Amino acid sequence: MQNHKVVSRQEWLVARKEHLAKEKEFTYLRDQLSEARRALPWVKLEKEYQFDTPTGKQSLSDLFDGRSQLIIYHFMYGPEWSEGCPSCSF
């Protein structure tokens, strides 16, 4: 365990406020980066992908089923495994 500097409450408060200012700056920068990621251009899919589903093969647009968003959960389960991926299951 690290040896931490022990200070008065007032010194801690000053250090905490300095740290909080850095956290807020980081949050602002992360928000800007996230906004820039959302503004990235899209790529038109030229290939017709087919997915195996419980109801048979479906295209990507079929998976959306008229909705504007699609959520996909990726869970790895090897054929020889008795349980799912330890990391995915964690």
N, C-alpha and C. Protein backbone atom coordinates (compact mmCIF):
# COMPACT_ATOMS: atom_id res chain seq x y z
N MET A 1 0.84 -1.19 0.00
CA MET A 1 0.00 0.00 0.00
C MET A 1 0.88 1.24 0.00
N GLN A 2 0.44 2.25 -0.75
CA GLN A 2 1.20 3.49 -0.85
C GLN A 2 1.15 4.27 0.45
N ASN A 3 2.23 4.96 0.73
CA ASN A 3 2.21 5.90 1.85
C ASN A 3 1.67 7.23 1.34
N HIS A 4 0.57 7.65 1.88
CA HIS A 4 -0.06 8.90 1.44
C HIS A 4 0.31 10.01 2.40
N LYS A 5 0.43 11.17 1.84
CA LYS A 5 0.70 12.37 2.62
C LYS A 5 -0.52 12.68 3.48
N VAL A 6 -0.33 12.98 4.73
CA VAL A 6 -1.42 13.33 5.64
C VAL A 6 -1.35 14.83 5.87
N VAL A 7 -2.49 15.50 5.63
CA VAL A 7 -2.52 16.96 5.72
C VAL A 7 -3.73 17.40 6.54
N SER A 8 -3.80 18.70 6.77
CA SER A 8 -4.95 19.27 7.49
C SER A 8 -6.16 19.26 6.57
N ARG A 9 -7.31 19.43 7.15
CA ARG A 9 -8.55 19.48 6.36
C ARG A 9 -8.49 20.60 5.34
N GLN A 10 -7.95 21.74 5.72
CA GLN A 10 -7.86 22.88 4.81
C GLN A 10 -6.96 22.57 3.62
N GLU A 11 -5.81 21.93 3.86
CA GLU A 11 -4.91 21.56 2.76
C GLU A 11 -5.58 20.53 1.85
N TRP A 12 -6.31 19.61 2.46
CA TRP A 12 -7.03 18.60 1.66
C TRP A 12 -8.07 19.28 0.78
N LEU A 13 -8.79 20.24 1.34
CA LEU A 13 -9.84 20.93 0.59
C LEU A 13 -9.25 21.67 -0.62
N VAL A 14 -8.11 22.31 -0.43
CA VAL A 14 -7.45 23.00 -1.55
C VAL A 14 -7.07 21.98 -2.63
N ALA A 15 -6.47 20.88 -2.22
CA ALA A 15 -6.06 19.84 -3.18
C ALA A 15 -7.28 19.24 -3.87
N ARG A 16 -8.34 19.03 -3.10
CA ARG A 16 -9.56 18.44 -3.69
C ARG A 16 -10.17 19.37 -4.72
N LYS A 17 -10.20 20.67 -4.44
CA LYS A 17 -10.76 21.63 -5.40
C LYS A 17 -9.93 21.70 -6.67
N GLU A 18 -8.60 21.61 -6.54
CA GLU A 18 -7.73 21.59 -7.71
C GLU A 18 -8.01 20.34 -8.54
N HIS A 19 -8.17 19.21 -7.86
CA HIS A 19 -8.45 17.96 -8.56
C HIS A 19 -9.82 18.02 -9.23
N LEU A 20 -10.81 18.57 -8.56
CA LEU A 20 -12.15 18.70 -9.12
C LEU A 20 -12.14 19.54 -10.39
N ALA A 21 -11.34 20.62 -10.40
CA ALA A 21 -11.24 21.45 -11.61
C ALA A 21 -10.68 20.63 -12.77
N LYS A 22 -9.70 19.77 -12.50
CA LYS A 22 -9.14 18.91 -13.54
C LYS A 22 -10.17 17.88 -14.00
N GLU A 23 -10.95 17.34 -13.07
CA GLU A 23 -12.00 16.38 -13.44
C GLU A 23 -13.03 17.03 -14.34
N LYS A 24 -13.42 18.26 -14.02
CA LYS A 24 -14.41 18.97 -14.83
C LYS A 24 -13.85 19.26 -16.23
N GLU A 25 -12.57 19.64 -16.30
CA GLU A 25 -11.93 19.88 -17.60
C GLU A 25 -11.91 18.59 -18.42
N PHE A 26 -11.57 17.48 -17.76
CA PHE A 26 -11.56 16.19 -18.44
C PHE A 26 -12.95 15.83 -18.96
N THR A 27 -13.97 16.06 -18.16
CA THR A 27 -15.35 15.77 -18.57
C THR A 27 -15.72 16.60 -19.79
N TYR A 28 -15.36 17.88 -19.77
CA TYR A 28 -15.65 18.76 -20.90
C TYR A 28 -14.94 18.26 -22.16
N LEU A 29 -13.66 17.90 -22.03
CA LEU A 29 -12.90 17.40 -23.18
C LEU A 29 -13.47 16.07 -23.68
N ARG A 30 -13.89 15.19 -22.75
CA ARG A 30 -14.50 13.92 -23.15
C ARG A 30 -15.82 14.16 -23.90
N ASP A 31 -16.60 15.12 -23.43
CA ASP A 31 -17.85 15.46 -24.11
C ASP A 31 -17.58 15.97 -25.52
N GLN A 32 -16.53 16.79 -25.69
CA GLN A 32 -16.18 17.29 -27.01
C GLN A 32 -15.74 16.14 -27.92
N LEU A 33 -14.94 15.23 -27.37
CA LEU A 33 -14.47 14.08 -28.14
C LEU A 33 -15.64 13.18 -28.55
N SER A 34 -16.57 12.97 -27.64
CA SER A 34 -17.75 12.15 -27.94
C SER A 34 -18.59 12.81 -29.03
N GLU A 35 -18.74 14.11 -28.95
CA GLU A 35 -19.51 14.83 -29.98
C GLU A 35 -18.83 14.70 -31.34
N ALA A 36 -17.50 14.81 -31.36
CA ALA A 36 -16.76 14.66 -32.62
C ALA A 36 -16.91 13.25 -33.17
N ARG A 37 -16.93 12.24 -32.30
CA ARG A 37 -17.12 10.85 -32.76
C ARG A 37 -18.50 10.69 -33.39
N ARG A 38 -19.53 11.26 -32.76
CA ARG A 38 -20.88 11.16 -33.30
C ARG A 38 -21.01 11.88 -34.63
N ALA A 39 -20.16 12.89 -34.87
CA ALA A 39 -20.22 13.66 -36.11
C ALA A 39 -19.41 13.02 -37.24
N LEU A 40 -18.71 11.92 -36.96
CA LEU A 40 -17.94 11.26 -38.01
C LEU A 40 -18.87 10.83 -39.14
N PRO A 41 -18.38 10.86 -40.37
CA PRO A 41 -19.23 10.42 -41.49
C PRO A 41 -19.52 8.93 -41.41
N TRP A 42 -20.59 8.54 -42.05
CA TRP A 42 -20.99 7.13 -42.09
C TRP A 42 -20.46 6.49 -43.37
N VAL A 43 -20.42 5.19 -43.39
CA VAL A 43 -20.02 4.44 -44.57
C VAL A 43 -21.22 3.65 -45.05
N LYS A 44 -21.54 3.82 -46.32
CA LYS A 44 -22.65 3.06 -46.90
C LYS A 44 -22.23 1.60 -47.04
N LEU A 45 -23.07 0.70 -46.57
CA LEU A 45 -22.79 -0.73 -46.71
C LEU A 45 -23.20 -1.18 -48.10
N GLU A 46 -22.25 -1.66 -48.85
CA GLU A 46 -22.53 -2.13 -50.21
C GLU A 46 -22.84 -3.62 -50.22
N LYS A 47 -22.30 -4.34 -49.24
CA LYS A 47 -22.48 -5.79 -49.18
C LYS A 47 -23.81 -6.12 -48.49
N GLU A 48 -24.48 -7.13 -48.98
CA GLU A 48 -25.74 -7.57 -48.36
C GLU A 48 -25.41 -8.65 -47.32
N TYR A 49 -25.32 -8.26 -46.07
CA TYR A 49 -25.00 -9.19 -44.99
C TYR A 49 -26.23 -10.03 -44.65
N GLN A 50 -26.00 -11.28 -44.30
CA GLN A 50 -27.07 -12.18 -43.85
C GLN A 50 -26.71 -12.68 -42.45
N PHE A 51 -27.69 -12.68 -41.57
CA PHE A 51 -27.49 -13.08 -40.18
C PHE A 51 -28.39 -14.26 -39.86
N ASP A 52 -27.83 -15.22 -39.13
CA ASP A 52 -28.63 -16.35 -38.65
C ASP A 52 -29.39 -15.91 -37.41
N THR A 53 -30.70 -16.00 -37.44
CA THR A 53 -31.54 -15.60 -36.30
C THR A 53 -32.44 -16.76 -35.93
N PRO A 54 -33.09 -16.68 -34.79
CA PRO A 54 -34.01 -17.75 -34.40
C PRO A 54 -35.14 -17.97 -35.42
N THR A 55 -35.43 -16.93 -36.22
CA THR A 55 -36.49 -17.07 -37.23
C THR A 55 -35.94 -17.30 -38.63
N GLY A 56 -34.64 -17.59 -38.74
CA GLY A 56 -34.01 -17.84 -40.04
C GLY A 56 -33.06 -16.73 -40.43
N LYS A 57 -32.60 -16.76 -41.66
CA LYS A 57 -31.67 -15.74 -42.16
C LYS A 57 -32.39 -14.42 -42.34
N GLN A 58 -31.68 -13.32 -41.93
CA GLN A 58 -32.24 -11.98 -42.10
C GLN A 58 -31.14 -11.03 -42.53
N SER A 59 -31.52 -10.01 -43.27
CA SER A 59 -30.58 -8.96 -43.66
C SER A 59 -30.42 -7.98 -42.51
N LEU A 60 -29.44 -7.09 -42.64
CA LEU A 60 -29.23 -6.08 -41.61
C LEU A 60 -30.48 -5.21 -41.45
N SER A 61 -31.07 -4.79 -42.55
CA SER A 61 -32.27 -3.96 -42.45
C SER A 61 -33.44 -4.73 -41.83
N ASP A 62 -33.51 -6.05 -42.08
CA ASP A 62 -34.55 -6.87 -41.43
C ASP A 62 -34.40 -6.85 -39.92
N LEU A 63 -33.14 -6.85 -39.45
CA LEU A 63 -32.91 -6.84 -38.00
C LEU A 63 -33.45 -5.57 -37.35
N PHE A 64 -33.41 -4.47 -38.08
CA PHE A 64 -33.92 -3.21 -37.55
C PHE A 64 -35.45 -3.24 -37.46
N ASP A 65 -36.09 -3.96 -38.33
CA ASP A 65 -37.54 -4.13 -38.31
C ASP A 65 -38.28 -2.79 -38.20
N GLY A 66 -37.84 -1.81 -39.01
CA GLY A 66 -38.50 -0.51 -39.04
C GLY A 66 -38.09 0.43 -37.92
N ARG A 67 -37.19 0.03 -37.08
CA ARG A 67 -36.74 0.89 -35.98
C ARG A 67 -35.52 1.69 -36.41
N SER A 68 -35.23 2.78 -35.68
CA SER A 68 -34.10 3.64 -36.05
C SER A 68 -32.80 3.19 -35.41
N GLN A 69 -32.85 2.33 -34.39
CA GLN A 69 -31.64 1.89 -33.72
C GLN A 69 -31.69 0.39 -33.49
N LEU A 70 -30.50 -0.20 -33.43
CA LEU A 70 -30.39 -1.64 -33.21
C LEU A 70 -29.36 -1.87 -32.12
N ILE A 71 -29.71 -2.64 -31.11
CA ILE A 71 -28.78 -2.99 -30.04
C ILE A 71 -28.38 -4.44 -30.22
N ILE A 72 -27.08 -4.68 -30.19
CA ILE A 72 -26.57 -6.03 -30.37
C ILE A 72 -25.76 -6.41 -29.13
N TYR A 73 -26.07 -7.55 -28.56
CA TYR A 73 -25.29 -8.09 -27.45
C TYR A 73 -24.41 -9.19 -28.00
N HIS A 74 -23.12 -9.08 -27.75
CA HIS A 74 -22.18 -10.08 -28.22
C HIS A 74 -21.75 -10.92 -27.02
N PHE A 75 -22.06 -12.19 -27.06
CA PHE A 75 -21.73 -13.10 -25.97
C PHE A 75 -21.03 -14.31 -26.57
N MET A 76 -19.79 -14.55 -26.14
CA MET A 76 -19.03 -15.66 -26.71
C MET A 76 -19.32 -16.94 -25.93
N TYR A 77 -19.61 -17.97 -26.68
CA TYR A 77 -19.91 -19.28 -26.10
C TYR A 77 -19.32 -20.33 -27.03
N GLY A 78 -18.15 -20.85 -26.66
CA GLY A 78 -17.47 -21.84 -27.49
C GLY A 78 -18.20 -23.17 -27.49
N PRO A 79 -18.14 -23.92 -28.60
CA PRO A 79 -18.87 -25.19 -28.70
C PRO A 79 -18.46 -26.22 -27.64
N GLU A 80 -17.19 -26.14 -27.19
CA GLU A 80 -16.74 -27.11 -26.19
C GLU A 80 -16.88 -26.59 -24.75
N TRP A 81 -17.38 -25.39 -24.59
CA TRP A 81 -17.49 -24.78 -23.26
C TRP A 81 -18.77 -25.24 -22.57
N SER A 82 -18.69 -25.40 -21.26
CA SER A 82 -19.90 -25.72 -20.49
C SER A 82 -20.58 -24.44 -20.01
N GLU A 83 -19.84 -23.32 -20.08
CA GLU A 83 -20.37 -22.02 -19.69
C GLU A 83 -19.89 -20.98 -20.70
N GLY A 84 -20.47 -19.78 -20.63
CA GLY A 84 -20.04 -18.71 -21.51
C GLY A 84 -18.65 -18.20 -21.17
N CYS A 85 -18.15 -17.32 -22.02
CA CYS A 85 -16.83 -16.72 -21.85
C CYS A 85 -16.69 -16.14 -20.44
N PRO A 86 -15.61 -16.49 -19.73
CA PRO A 86 -15.44 -15.97 -18.37
C PRO A 86 -15.41 -14.44 -18.31
N SER A 87 -14.81 -13.80 -19.31
CA SER A 87 -14.77 -12.33 -19.31
C SER A 87 -16.14 -11.75 -19.62
N CYS A 88 -16.84 -12.33 -20.60
CA CYS A 88 -18.19 -11.83 -20.95
C CYS A 88 -19.15 -12.05 -19.77
N SER A 89 -18.94 -13.13 -19.05
CA SER A 89 -19.85 -13.48 -17.95
C SER A 89 -19.53 -12.75 -16.66
N PHE A 90 -18.36 -12.12 -16.62
CA PHE A 90 -17.93 -11.46 -15.41
C PHE A 90 -18.89 -10.35 -15.08
